[in-house]
Amino acid sequence: AQHRLLTEHLGVNHLRLIMGTSMGCM
């Protein structure tokens, strides 16, 4: 769902960085 949010809705085709905490880390 996060990938679809980026590519289909926000028009983001690349990320400089993915950070995550706890569940987001996983």
mmCIF file of all heavy atoms, coordinates in Angstrom:
data_MODEL
# 
_entry.id   MODEL 
# 
loop_
_atom_site.group_PDB 
_atom_site.id 
_atom_site.type_symbol 
_atom_site.label_atom_id 
_atom_site.label_alt_id 
_atom_site.label_comp_id 
_atom_site.label_asym_id 
_atom_site.label_entity_id 
_atom_site.label_seq_id 
_atom_site.pdbx_PDB_ins_code 
_atom_site.Cartn_x 
_atom_site.Cartn_y 
_atom_site.Cartn_z 
_atom_site.occupancy 
_atom_site.B_iso_or_equiv 
_atom_site.pdbx_formal_charge 
_atom_site.auth_seq_id 
_atom_site.auth_comp_id 
_atom_site.auth_asym_id 
_atom_site.auth_atom_id 
_atom_site.pdbx_PDB_model_num 
ATOM 1   N N   . ALA A 1 1  ? 0.829  -1.208 0.000   1.00 0.00 ? 1  ALA A N   1 
ATOM 2   C CA  . ALA A 1 1  ? 0.000  0.000  0.000   1.00 0.00 ? 1  ALA A CA  1 
ATOM 3   C C   . ALA A 1 1  ? 0.861  1.254  0.000   1.00 0.00 ? 1  ALA A C   1 
ATOM 4   O O   . ALA A 1 1  ? 0.531  2.251  -0.666  1.00 0.00 ? 1  ALA A O   1 
ATOM 5   C CB  . ALA A 1 1  ? -0.924 -0.013 1.209   1.00 0.00 ? 1  ALA A CB  1 
ATOM 6   N N   . GLN A 1 2  ? 1.971  1.236  0.736   1.00 0.00 ? 2  GLN A N   1 
ATOM 7   C CA  . GLN A 1 2  ? 2.879  2.380  0.737   1.00 0.00 ? 2  GLN A CA  1 
ATOM 8   C C   . GLN A 1 2  ? 3.465  2.609  -0.658  1.00 0.00 ? 2  GLN A C   1 
ATOM 9   O O   . GLN A 1 2  ? 3.584  3.762  -1.121  1.00 0.00 ? 2  GLN A O   1 
ATOM 10  C CB  . GLN A 1 2  ? 4.001  2.152  1.750   1.00 0.00 ? 2  GLN A CB  1 
ATOM 11  C CG  . GLN A 1 2  ? 3.528  2.165  3.194   1.00 0.00 ? 2  GLN A CG  1 
ATOM 12  C CD  . GLN A 1 2  ? 4.457  1.411  4.126   1.00 0.00 ? 2  GLN A CD  1 
ATOM 13  O OE1 . GLN A 1 2  ? 5.538  0.954  3.729   1.00 0.00 ? 2  GLN A OE1 1 
ATOM 14  N NE2 . GLN A 1 2  ? 4.045  1.252  5.381   1.00 0.00 ? 2  GLN A NE2 1 
ATOM 15  N N   . HIS A 1 3  ? 3.819  1.529  -1.337  1.00 0.00 ? 3  HIS A N   1 
ATOM 16  C CA  . HIS A 1 3  ? 4.375  1.644  -2.692  1.00 0.00 ? 3  HIS A CA  1 
ATOM 17  C C   . HIS A 1 3  ? 3.349  2.241  -3.640  1.00 0.00 ? 3  HIS A C   1 
ATOM 18  O O   . HIS A 1 3  ? 3.668  3.100  -4.471  1.00 0.00 ? 3  HIS A O   1 
ATOM 19  C CB  . HIS A 1 3  ? 4.825  0.259  -3.177  1.00 0.00 ? 3  HIS A CB  1 
ATOM 20  C CG  . HIS A 1 3  ? 5.519  0.277  -4.504  1.00 0.00 ? 3  HIS A CG  1 
ATOM 21  N ND1 . HIS A 1 3  ? 4.852  0.022  -5.685  1.00 0.00 ? 3  HIS A ND1 1 
ATOM 22  C CD2 . HIS A 1 3  ? 6.803  0.546  -4.837  1.00 0.00 ? 3  HIS A CD2 1 
ATOM 23  C CE1 . HIS A 1 3  ? 5.705  0.099  -6.692  1.00 0.00 ? 3  HIS A CE1 1 
ATOM 24  N NE2 . HIS A 1 3  ? 6.900  0.424  -6.208  1.00 0.00 ? 3  HIS A NE2 1 
ATOM 25  N N   . ARG A 1 4  ? 2.104  1.799  -3.519  1.00 0.00 ? 4  ARG A N   1 
ATOM 26  C CA  . ARG A 1 4  ? 1.051  2.342  -4.382  1.00 0.00 ? 4  ARG A CA  1 
ATOM 27  C C   . ARG A 1 4  ? 0.760  3.808  -4.054  1.00 0.00 ? 4  ARG A C   1 
ATOM 28  O O   . ARG A 1 4  ? 0.492  4.609  -4.955  1.00 0.00 ? 4  ARG A O   1 
ATOM 29  C CB  . ARG A 1 4  ? -0.219 1.503  -4.256  1.00 0.00 ? 4  ARG A CB  1 
ATOM 30  C CG  . ARG A 1 4  ? -0.102 0.112  -4.866  1.00 0.00 ? 4  ARG A CG  1 
ATOM 31  C CD  . ARG A 1 4  ? -1.440 -0.625 -4.867  1.00 0.00 ? 4  ARG A CD  1 
ATOM 32  N NE  . ARG A 1 4  ? -2.445 0.055  -5.674  1.00 0.00 ? 4  ARG A NE  1 
ATOM 33  C CZ  . ARG A 1 4  ? -3.702 -0.377 -5.850  1.00 0.00 ? 4  ARG A CZ  1 
ATOM 34  N NH1 . ARG A 1 4  ? -4.099 -1.487 -5.241  1.00 0.00 ? 4  ARG A NH1 1 
ATOM 35  N NH2 . ARG A 1 4  ? -4.551 0.295  -6.605  1.00 0.00 ? 4  ARG A NH2 1 
ATOM 36  N N   . LEU A 1 5  ? 0.803  4.160  -2.770  1.00 0.00 ? 5  LEU A N   1 
ATOM 37  C CA  . LEU A 1 5  ? 0.638  5.559  -2.392  1.00 0.00 ? 5  LEU A CA  1 
ATOM 38  C C   . LEU A 1 5  ? 1.682  6.421  -3.096  1.00 0.00 ? 5  LEU A C   1 
ATOM 39  O O   . LEU A 1 5  ? 1.356  7.463  -3.674  1.00 0.00 ? 5  LEU A O   1 
ATOM 40  C CB  . LEU A 1 5  ? 0.787  5.705  -0.872  1.00 0.00 ? 5  LEU A CB  1 
ATOM 41  C CG  . LEU A 1 5  ? 1.010  7.132  -0.346  1.00 0.00 ? 5  LEU A CG  1 
ATOM 42  C CD1 . LEU A 1 5  ? -0.244 7.973  -0.539  1.00 0.00 ? 5  LEU A CD1 1 
ATOM 43  C CD2 . LEU A 1 5  ? 1.439  7.111  1.117   1.00 0.00 ? 5  LEU A CD2 1 
ATOM 44  N N   . LEU A 1 6  ? 2.928  5.978  -3.052  1.00 0.00 ? 6  LEU A N   1 
ATOM 45  C CA  . LEU A 1 6  ? 4.014  6.758  -3.652  1.00 0.00 ? 6  LEU A CA  1 
ATOM 46  C C   . LEU A 1 6  ? 3.870  6.856  -5.172  1.00 0.00 ? 6  LEU A C   1 
ATOM 47  O O   . LEU A 1 6  ? 3.909  7.951  -5.743  1.00 0.00 ? 6  LEU A O   1 
ATOM 48  C CB  . LEU A 1 6  ? 5.363  6.123  -3.313  1.00 0.00 ? 6  LEU A CB  1 
ATOM 49  C CG  . LEU A 1 6  ? 5.785  6.109  -1.840  1.00 0.00 ? 6  LEU A CG  1 
ATOM 50  C CD1 . LEU A 1 6  ? 7.087  5.336  -1.674  1.00 0.00 ? 6  LEU A CD1 1 
ATOM 51  C CD2 . LEU A 1 6  ? 5.940  7.522  -1.299  1.00 0.00 ? 6  LEU A CD2 1 
ATOM 52  N N   . THR A 1 7  ? 3.714  5.712  -5.825  1.00 0.00 ? 7  THR A N   1 
ATOM 53  C CA  . THR A 1 7  ? 3.784  5.680  -7.283  1.00 0.00 ? 7  THR A CA  1 
ATOM 54  C C   . THR A 1 7  ? 2.496  6.108  -7.974  1.00 0.00 ? 7  THR A C   1 
ATOM 55  O O   . THR A 1 7  ? 2.535  6.784  -9.004  1.00 0.00 ? 7  THR A O   1 
ATOM 56  C CB  . THR A 1 7  ? 4.184  4.275  -7.760  1.00 0.00 ? 7  THR A CB  1 
ATOM 57  O OG1 . THR A 1 7  ? 3.235  3.318  -7.262  1.00 0.00 ? 7  THR A OG1 1 
ATOM 58  C CG2 . THR A 1 7  ? 5.576  3.904  -7.259  1.00 0.00 ? 7  THR A CG2 1 
ATOM 59  N N   . GLU A 1 8  ? 1.345  5.718  -7.396  1.00 0.00 ? 8  GLU A N   1 
ATOM 60  C CA  . GLU A 1 8  ? 0.074  6.001  -8.057  1.00 0.00 ? 8  GLU A CA  1 
ATOM 61  C C   . GLU A 1 8  ? -0.526 7.340  -7.646  1.00 0.00 ? 8  GLU A C   1 
ATOM 62  O O   . GLU A 1 8  ? -1.233 7.969  -8.438  1.00 0.00 ? 8  GLU A O   1 
ATOM 63  C CB  . GLU A 1 8  ? -0.940 4.890  -7.752  1.00 0.00 ? 8  GLU A CB  1 
ATOM 64  C CG  . GLU A 1 8  ? -0.534 3.520  -8.275  1.00 0.00 ? 8  GLU A CG  1 
ATOM 65  C CD  . GLU A 1 8  ? -1.531 2.438  -7.882  1.00 0.00 ? 8  GLU A CD  1 
ATOM 66  O OE1 . GLU A 1 8  ? -2.670 2.784  -7.468  1.00 0.00 ? 8  GLU A OE1 1 
ATOM 67  O OE2 . GLU A 1 8  ? -1.182 1.241  -7.975  1.00 0.00 ? 8  GLU A OE2 1 
ATOM 68  N N   . HIS A 1 9  ? -0.266 7.761  -6.419  1.00 0.00 ? 9  HIS A N   1 
ATOM 69  C CA  . HIS A 1 9  ? -0.932 8.963  -5.910  1.00 0.00 ? 9  HIS A CA  1 
ATOM 70  C C   . HIS A 1 9  ? -0.001 10.169 -5.809  1.00 0.00 ? 9  HIS A C   1 
ATOM 71  O O   . HIS A 1 9  ? -0.371 11.269 -6.208  1.00 0.00 ? 9  HIS A O   1 
ATOM 72  C CB  . HIS A 1 9  ? -1.551 8.663  -4.546  1.00 0.00 ? 9  HIS A CB  1 
ATOM 73  C CG  . HIS A 1 9  ? -2.380 9.787  -4.001  1.00 0.00 ? 9  HIS A CG  1 
ATOM 74  N ND1 . HIS A 1 9  ? -3.677 10.024 -4.420  1.00 0.00 ? 9  HIS A ND1 1 
ATOM 75  C CD2 . HIS A 1 9  ? -2.093 10.754 -3.089  1.00 0.00 ? 9  HIS A CD2 1 
ATOM 76  C CE1 . HIS A 1 9  ? -4.149 11.092 -3.786  1.00 0.00 ? 9  HIS A CE1 1 
ATOM 77  N NE2 . HIS A 1 9  ? -3.211 11.546 -2.969  1.00 0.00 ? 9  HIS A NE2 1 
ATOM 78  N N   . LEU A 1 10 ? 1.199  9.962  -5.283  1.00 0.00 ? 10 LEU A N   1 
ATOM 79  C CA  . LEU A 1 10 ? 2.115  11.087 -5.072  1.00 0.00 ? 10 LEU A CA  1 
ATOM 80  C C   . LEU A 1 10 ? 3.089  11.289 -6.228  1.00 0.00 ? 10 LEU A C   1 
ATOM 81  O O   . LEU A 1 10 ? 3.787  12.305 -6.275  1.00 0.00 ? 10 LEU A O   1 
ATOM 82  C CB  . LEU A 1 10 ? 2.902  10.886 -3.769  1.00 0.00 ? 10 LEU A CB  1 
ATOM 83  C CG  . LEU A 1 10 ? 2.068  10.899 -2.485  1.00 0.00 ? 10 LEU A CG  1 
ATOM 84  C CD1 . LEU A 1 10 ? 2.958  10.616 -1.275  1.00 0.00 ? 10 LEU A CD1 1 
ATOM 85  C CD2 . LEU A 1 10 ? 1.332  12.225 -2.306  1.00 0.00 ? 10 LEU A CD2 1 
ATOM 86  N N   . GLY A 1 11 ? 3.149  10.346 -7.140  1.00 0.00 ? 11 GLY A N   1 
ATOM 87  C CA  . GLY A 1 11 ? 4.060  10.478 -8.275  1.00 0.00 ? 11 GLY A CA  1 
ATOM 88  C C   . GLY A 1 11 ? 5.516  10.362 -7.894  1.00 0.00 ? 11 GLY A C   1 
ATOM 89  O O   . GLY A 1 11 ? 6.397  10.917 -8.573  1.00 0.00 ? 11 GLY A O   1 
ATOM 90  N N   . VAL A 1 12 ? 5.811  9.631  -6.833  1.00 0.00 ? 12 VAL A N   1 
ATOM 91  C CA  . VAL A 1 12 ? 7.191  9.444  -6.375  1.00 0.00 ? 12 VAL A CA  1 
ATOM 92  C C   . VAL A 1 12 ? 7.692  8.096  -6.883  1.00 0.00 ? 12 VAL A C   1 
ATOM 93  O O   . VAL A 1 12 ? 7.155  7.042  -6.524  1.00 0.00 ? 12 VAL A O   1 
ATOM 94  C CB  . VAL A 1 12 ? 7.273  9.501  -4.841  1.00 0.00 ? 12 VAL A CB  1 
ATOM 95  C CG1 . VAL A 1 12 ? 8.675  9.119  -4.357  1.00 0.00 ? 12 VAL A CG1 1 
ATOM 96  C CG2 . VAL A 1 12 ? 6.903  10.898 -4.344  1.00 0.00 ? 12 VAL A CG2 1 
ATOM 97  N N   . ASN A 1 13 ? 8.709  8.132  -7.721  1.00 0.00 ? 13 ASN A N   1 
ATOM 98  C CA  . ASN A 1 13 ? 9.242  6.904  -8.311  1.00 0.00 ? 13 ASN A CA  1 
ATOM 99  C C   . ASN A 1 13 ? 10.590 6.501  -7.730  1.00 0.00 ? 13 ASN A C   1 
ATOM 100 O O   . ASN A 1 13 ? 11.199 5.522  -8.184  1.00 0.00 ? 13 ASN A O   1 
ATOM 101 C CB  . ASN A 1 13 ? 9.349  7.044  -9.824  1.00 0.00 ? 13 ASN A CB  1 
ATOM 102 C CG  . ASN A 1 13 ? 10.103 8.294  -10.246 1.00 0.00 ? 13 ASN A CG  1 
ATOM 103 O OD1 . ASN A 1 13 ? 10.780 8.942  -9.434  1.00 0.00 ? 13 ASN A OD1 1 
ATOM 104 N ND2 . ASN A 1 13 ? 9.996  8.653  -11.523 1.00 0.00 ? 13 ASN A ND2 1 
ATOM 105 N N   . HIS A 1 14 ? 11.057 7.256  -6.749  1.00 0.00 ? 14 HIS A N   1 
ATOM 106 C CA  . HIS A 1 14 ? 12.337 6.926  -6.110  1.00 0.00 ? 14 HIS A CA  1 
ATOM 107 C C   . HIS A 1 14 ? 12.406 7.642  -4.766  1.00 0.00 ? 14 HIS A C   1 
ATOM 108 O O   . HIS A 1 14 ? 11.883 8.746  -4.611  1.00 0.00 ? 14 HIS A O   1 
ATOM 109 C CB  . HIS A 1 14 ? 13.511 7.367  -6.988  1.00 0.00 ? 14 HIS A CB  1 
ATOM 110 C CG  . HIS A 1 14 ? 14.847 6.891  -6.480  1.00 0.00 ? 14 HIS A CG  1 
ATOM 111 N ND1 . HIS A 1 14 ? 15.302 5.620  -6.691  1.00 0.00 ? 14 HIS A ND1 1 
ATOM 112 C CD2 . HIS A 1 14 ? 15.812 7.528  -5.754  1.00 0.00 ? 14 HIS A CD2 1 
ATOM 113 C CE1 . HIS A 1 14 ? 16.496 5.477  -6.136  1.00 0.00 ? 14 HIS A CE1 1 
ATOM 114 N NE2 . HIS A 1 14 ? 16.830 6.624  -5.552  1.00 0.00 ? 14 HIS A NE2 1 
ATOM 115 N N   . LEU A 1 15 ? 13.055 6.989  -3.803  1.00 0.00 ? 15 LEU A N   1 
ATOM 116 C CA  . LEU A 1 15 ? 13.229 7.577  -2.476  1.00 0.00 ? 15 LEU A CA  1 
ATOM 117 C C   . LEU A 1 15 ? 14.712 7.743  -2.175  1.00 0.00 ? 15 LEU A C   1 
ATOM 118 O O   . LEU A 1 15 ? 15.510 6.823  -2.406  1.00 0.00 ? 15 LEU A O   1 
ATOM 119 C CB  . LEU A 1 15 ? 12.591 6.694  -1.404  1.00 0.00 ? 15 LEU A CB  1 
ATOM 120 C CG  . LEU A 1 15 ? 11.060 6.631  -1.406  1.00 0.00 ? 15 LEU A CG  1 
ATOM 121 C CD1 . LEU A 1 15 ? 10.578 5.476  -0.526  1.00 0.00 ? 15 LEU A CD1 1 
ATOM 122 C CD2 . LEU A 1 15 ? 10.462 7.947  -0.917  1.00 0.00 ? 15 LEU A CD2 1 
ATOM 123 N N   . ARG A 1 16 ? 15.050 8.897  -1.671  1.00 0.00 ? 16 ARG A N   1 
ATOM 124 C CA  . ARG A 1 16 ? 16.415 9.106  -1.214  1.00 0.00 ? 16 ARG A CA  1 
ATOM 125 C C   . ARG A 1 16 ? 16.690 8.243  0.016   1.00 0.00 ? 16 ARG A C   1 
ATOM 126 O O   . ARG A 1 16 ? 17.759 7.672  0.170   1.00 0.00 ? 16 ARG A O   1 
ATOM 127 C CB  . ARG A 1 16 ? 16.614 10.595 -0.877  1.00 0.00 ? 16 ARG A CB  1 
ATOM 128 C CG  . ARG A 1 16 ? 18.010 10.961 -0.370  1.00 0.00 ? 16 ARG A CG  1 
ATOM 129 C CD  . ARG A 1 16 ? 19.040 10.769 -1.443  1.00 0.00 ? 16 ARG A CD  1 
ATOM 130 N NE  . ARG A 1 16 ? 20.323 11.378 -1.083  1.00 0.00 ? 16 ARG A NE  1 
ATOM 131 C CZ  . ARG A 1 16 ? 21.461 11.095 -1.709  1.00 0.00 ? 16 ARG A CZ  1 
ATOM 132 N NH1 . ARG A 1 16 ? 21.463 10.214 -2.717  1.00 0.00 ? 16 ARG A NH1 1 
ATOM 133 N NH2 . ARG A 1 16 ? 22.580 11.685 -1.356  1.00 0.00 ? 16 ARG A NH2 1 
ATOM 134 N N   . LEU A 1 17 ? 15.683 8.148  0.886   1.00 0.00 ? 17 LEU A N   1 
ATOM 135 C CA  . LEU A 1 17 ? 15.872 7.439  2.147   1.00 0.00 ? 17 LEU A CA  1 
ATOM 136 C C   . LEU A 1 17 ? 14.540 6.901  2.645   1.00 0.00 ? 17 LEU A C   1 
ATOM 137 O O   . LEU A 1 17 ? 13.513 7.568  2.535   1.00 0.00 ? 17 LEU A O   1 
ATOM 138 C CB  . LEU A 1 17 ? 16.451 8.405  3.192   1.00 0.00 ? 17 LEU A CB  1 
ATOM 139 C CG  . LEU A 1 17 ? 16.713 7.870  4.599   1.00 0.00 ? 17 LEU A CG  1 
ATOM 140 C CD1 . LEU A 1 17 ? 17.886 6.887  4.584   1.00 0.00 ? 17 LEU A CD1 1 
ATOM 141 C CD2 . LEU A 1 17 ? 17.012 9.022  5.569   1.00 0.00 ? 17 LEU A CD2 1 
ATOM 142 N N   . ILE A 1 18 ? 14.571 5.693  3.204   1.00 0.00 ? 18 ILE A N   1 
ATOM 143 C CA  . ILE A 1 18 ? 13.445 5.162  3.973   1.00 0.00 ? 18 ILE A CA  1 
ATOM 144 C C   . ILE A 1 18 ? 13.927 5.006  5.406   1.00 0.00 ? 18 ILE A C   1 
ATOM 145 O O   . ILE A 1 18 ? 14.898 4.285  5.677   1.00 0.00 ? 18 ILE A O   1 
ATOM 146 C CB  . ILE A 1 18 ? 12.955 3.805  3.446   1.00 0.00 ? 18 ILE A CB  1 
ATOM 147 C CG1 . ILE A 1 18 ? 12.420 3.926  2.021   1.00 0.00 ? 18 ILE A CG1 1 
ATOM 148 C CG2 . ILE A 1 18 ? 11.865 3.243  4.363   1.00 0.00 ? 18 ILE A CG2 1 
ATOM 149 C CD1 . ILE A 1 18 ? 11.966 2.607  1.422   1.00 0.00 ? 18 ILE A CD1 1 
ATOM 150 N N   . MET A 1 19 ? 13.259 5.701  6.316   1.00 0.00 ? 19 MET A N   1 
ATOM 151 C CA  . MET A 1 19 ? 13.506 5.527  7.741   1.00 0.00 ? 19 MET A CA  1 
ATOM 152 C C   . MET A 1 19 ? 12.300 4.828  8.358   1.00 0.00 ? 19 MET A C   1 
ATOM 153 O O   . MET A 1 19 ? 11.190 4.939  7.841   1.00 0.00 ? 19 MET A O   1 
ATOM 154 C CB  . MET A 1 19 ? 13.725 6.883  8.430   1.00 0.00 ? 19 MET A CB  1 
ATOM 155 C CG  . MET A 1 19 ? 15.000 7.588  8.025   1.00 0.00 ? 19 MET A CG  1 
ATOM 156 S SD  . MET A 1 19 ? 15.198 9.159  8.912   1.00 0.00 ? 19 MET A SD  1 
ATOM 157 C CE  . MET A 1 19 ? 15.432 8.562  10.589  1.00 0.00 ? 19 MET A CE  1 
ATOM 158 N N   . GLY A 1 20 ? 12.518 4.136  9.468   1.00 0.00 ? 20 GLY A N   1 
ATOM 159 C CA  . GLY A 1 20 ? 11.398 3.487  10.124  1.00 0.00 ? 20 GLY A CA  1 
ATOM 160 C C   . GLY A 1 20 ? 11.705 3.220  11.579  1.00 0.00 ? 20 GLY A C   1 
ATOM 161 O O   . GLY A 1 20 ? 12.858 2.948  11.950  1.00 0.00 ? 20 GLY A O   1 
ATOM 162 N N   . THR A 1 21 ? 10.667 3.296  12.424  1.00 0.00 ? 21 THR A N   1 
ATOM 163 C CA  . THR A 1 21 ? 10.821 3.037  13.849  1.00 0.00 ? 21 THR A CA  1 
ATOM 164 C C   . THR A 1 21 ? 9.969  1.841  14.250  1.00 0.00 ? 21 THR A C   1 
ATOM 165 O O   . THR A 1 21 ? 8.788  1.775  13.925  1.00 0.00 ? 21 THR A O   1 
ATOM 166 C CB  . THR A 1 21 ? 10.390 4.262  14.679  1.00 0.00 ? 21 THR A CB  1 
ATOM 167 O OG1 . THR A 1 21 ? 9.014  4.557  14.444  1.00 0.00 ? 21 THR A OG1 1 
ATOM 168 C CG2 . THR A 1 21 ? 11.221 5.488  14.319  1.00 0.00 ? 21 THR A CG2 1 
ATOM 169 N N   . SER A 1 22 ? 10.587 0.861  14.924  1.00 0.00 ? 22 SER A N   1 
ATOM 170 C CA  . SER A 1 22 ? 9.858  -0.300 15.434  1.00 0.00 ? 22 SER A CA  1 
ATOM 171 C C   . SER A 1 22 ? 9.172  -1.055 14.294  1.00 0.00 ? 22 SER A C   1 
ATOM 172 O O   . SER A 1 22 ? 9.850  -1.625 13.448  1.00 0.00 ? 22 SER A O   1 
ATOM 173 C CB  . SER A 1 22 ? 8.858  0.156  16.514  1.00 0.00 ? 22 SER A CB  1 
ATOM 174 O OG  . SER A 1 22 ? 8.323  -0.942 17.201  1.00 0.00 ? 22 SER A OG  1 
ATOM 175 N N   . MET A 1 23 ? 7.854  -1.059 14.224  1.00 0.00 ? 23 MET A N   1 
ATOM 176 C CA  . MET A 1 23 ? 7.181  -1.681 13.088  1.00 0.00 ? 23 MET A CA  1 
ATOM 177 C C   . MET A 1 23 ? 7.683  -1.078 11.784  1.00 0.00 ? 23 MET A C   1 
ATOM 178 O O   . MET A 1 23 ? 7.900  -1.792 10.790  1.00 0.00 ? 23 MET A O   1 
ATOM 179 C CB  . MET A 1 23 ? 5.667  -1.512 13.194  1.00 0.00 ? 23 MET A CB  1 
ATOM 180 C CG  . MET A 1 23 ? 4.886  -2.087 12.011  1.00 0.00 ? 23 MET A CG  1 
ATOM 181 S SD  . MET A 1 23 ? 3.099  -1.814 12.131  1.00 0.00 ? 23 MET A SD  1 
ATOM 182 C CE  . MET A 1 23 ? 3.021  -0.046 11.743  1.00 0.00 ? 23 MET A CE  1 
ATOM 183 N N   . GLY A 1 24 ? 7.877  0.243  11.768  1.00 0.00 ? 24 GLY A N   1 
ATOM 184 C CA  . GLY A 1 24 ? 8.403  0.906  10.569  1.00 0.00 ? 24 GLY A CA  1 
ATOM 185 C C   . GLY A 1 24 ? 9.815  0.467  10.251  1.00 0.00 ? 24 GLY A C   1 
ATOM 186 O O   . GLY A 1 24 ? 10.212 0.415  9.082   1.00 0.00 ? 24 GLY A O   1 
ATOM 187 N N   . CYS A 1 25 ? 10.594 0.138  11.290  1.00 0.00 ? 25 CYS A N   1 
ATOM 188 C CA  . CYS A 1 25 ? 11.934 -0.418 11.093  1.00 0.00 ? 25 CYS A CA  1 
ATOM 189 C C   . CYS A 1 25 ? 11.844 -1.747 10.341  1.00 0.00 ? 25 CYS A C   1 
ATOM 190 O O   . CYS A 1 25 ? 12.563 -1.987 9.370   1.00 0.00 ? 25 CYS A O   1 
ATOM 191 C CB  . CYS A 1 25 ? 12.595 -0.605 12.462  1.00 0.00 ? 25 CYS A CB  1 
ATOM 192 S SG  . CYS A 1 25 ? 14.177 -1.478 12.474  1.00 0.00 ? 25 CYS A SG  1 
ATOM 193 N N   . MET A 1 26 ? 10.933 -2.587 10.792  1.00 0.00 ? 26 MET A N   1 
ATOM 194 C CA  . MET A 1 26 ? 10.759 -3.885 10.140  1.00 0.00 ? 26 MET A CA  1 
ATOM 195 C C   . MET A 1 26 ? 10.284 -3.712 8.703   1.00 0.00 ? 26 MET A C   1 
ATOM 196 O O   . MET A 1 26 ? 10.743 -4.400 7.784   1.00 0.00 ? 26 MET A O   1 
ATOM 197 C CB  . MET A 1 26 ? 9.787  -4.737 10.948  1.00 0.00 ? 26 MET A CB  1 
ATOM 198 C CG  . MET A 1 26 ? 10.342 -5.147 12.308  1.00 0.00 ? 26 MET A CG  1 
ATOM 199 S SD  . MET A 1 26 ? 9.278  -6.284 13.241  1.00 0.00 ? 26 MET A SD  1 
ATOM 200 C CE  . MET A 1 26 ? 8.193  -5.128 14.068  1.00 0.00 ? 26 MET A CE  1 
# 
